[in-house]
Amino acid sequence: MAQNSLGPVAVGDQFKLATPNGPVFEVVKIRQMAPVDHALITKVRDTKSPTLIAVTTLLNRDFYLPVAPENRQMPDNDGILRGI
């Protein structure tokens, strides 16, 4: 059964690749999978290609760094048409 959080990782959290100018990902869903739970993540700038990765990888600061809530990124296109 899917859950909304696993320790310090929760649905809606954003993580940045631990490289200069790396993309930012958002946790869409967390799935309980043996032997390690996985998170479905998607790039904030390209929400069409979700990826399933181990939650432990999100927690490994050698790969991903958490994005602080005040620095969260929004998608380039939120689907709302606006006049110029």
Protein backbone atom coordinates (compact mmCIF):
# COMPACT_ATOMS: atom_id res chain seq x y z
CA MET A 1 0.00 0.00 0.00
CA ALA A 2 1.33 3.45 -0.89
CA GLN A 3 2.04 5.93 1.82
CA ASN A 4 2.49 9.69 1.93
CA SER A 5 5.80 9.79 3.74
CA LEU A 6 8.76 7.68 4.74
CA GLY A 7 10.79 9.27 7.50
CA PRO A 8 12.19 12.54 6.12
CA VAL A 9 10.84 11.90 2.58
CA ALA A 10 7.22 12.85 1.82
CA VAL A 11 5.03 13.33 -1.22
CA GLY A 12 5.53 16.88 -2.51
CA ASP A 13 9.16 17.13 -1.35
CA GLN A 14 11.60 18.50 -3.90
CA PHE A 15 15.18 17.30 -4.35
CA LYS A 16 18.00 18.72 -6.44
CA LEU A 17 20.68 16.58 -8.03
CA ALA A 18 23.90 17.04 -6.06
CA THR A 19 25.68 18.48 -9.09
CA PRO A 20 26.08 22.08 -10.25
CA ASN A 21 22.95 23.24 -12.07
CA GLY A 22 21.29 19.85 -11.61
CA PRO A 23 17.57 19.48 -12.24
CA VAL A 24 15.01 19.57 -9.43
CA PHE A 25 12.71 16.59 -8.88
CA GLU A 26 9.46 16.34 -6.91
CA VAL A 27 8.20 13.24 -5.09
CA VAL A 28 4.86 12.25 -6.63
CA LYS A 29 4.19 8.98 -4.79
CA ILE A 30 5.92 6.63 -2.36
CA ARG A 31 5.46 2.89 -2.84
CA GLN A 32 6.21 0.16 -0.36
CA MET A 33 8.38 -2.33 -2.20
CA ALA A 34 10.57 -5.11 -0.84
CA PRO A 35 13.36 -4.93 0.09
CA VAL A 36 13.49 -1.11 -0.28
CA ASP A 37 10.63 1.38 -0.64
CA HIS A 38 10.67 3.46 -3.82
CA ALA A 39 9.49 6.95 -4.72
CA LEU A 40 7.95 8.01 -7.99
CA ILE A 41 9.64 11.30 -8.87
CA THR A 42 9.26 13.72 -11.75
CA LYS A 43 11.34 16.64 -12.98
CA VAL A 44 9.71 19.91 -11.96
CA ARG A 45 10.39 21.38 -15.42
CA ASP A 46 9.25 18.27 -17.32
CA THR A 47 6.41 16.48 -15.55
CA LYS A 48 5.80 14.05 -18.44
CA SER A 49 8.49 11.54 -17.49
CA PRO A 50 8.13 10.17 -13.94
CA THR A 51 10.87 7.85 -12.68
CA LEU A 52 10.81 5.25 -9.93
CA ILE A 53 13.88 5.33 -7.65
CA ALA A 54 14.81 3.94 -4.25
CA VAL A 55 13.83 6.20 -1.37
CA THR A 56 17.21 5.50 0.20
CA THR A 57 18.80 7.17 -2.83
CA LEU A 58 16.78 10.34 -2.14
CA LEU A 59 18.15 10.30 1.40
CA ASN A 60 21.75 9.92 0.19
CA ARG A 61 23.24 13.44 0.06
CA ASP A 62 25.85 12.23 -2.42
CA PHE A 63 23.07 12.09 -5.02
CA TYR A 64 20.21 14.38 -3.95
CA LEU A 65 19.95 17.52 -1.82
CA PRO A 66 16.57 18.56 -0.35
CA VAL A 67 15.13 21.83 -1.65
CA ALA A 68 14.01 24.11 1.19
CA PRO A 69 10.27 25.00 1.12
CA GLU A 70 11.06 28.68 0.50
CA ASN A 71 13.14 27.70 -2.58
CA ARG A 72 10.61 25.34 -4.15
CA GLN A 73 10.37 25.52 -7.93
CA MET A 74 7.12 25.61 -9.85
CA PRO A 75 6.61 24.03 -13.29
CA ASP A 76 7.23 26.30 -16.26
CA ASN A 77 3.76 25.51 -17.55
CA ASP A 78 1.02 25.12 -14.95
CA GLY A 79 -1.67 24.64 -17.60
CA ILE A 80 -3.29 28.05 -17.03
CA LEU A 81 -3.59 30.27 -20.08
CA ARG A 82 -2.67 33.86 -19.31
CA GLY A 83 -2.74 36.98 -21.44
CA ILE A 84 0.54 38.68 -22.24
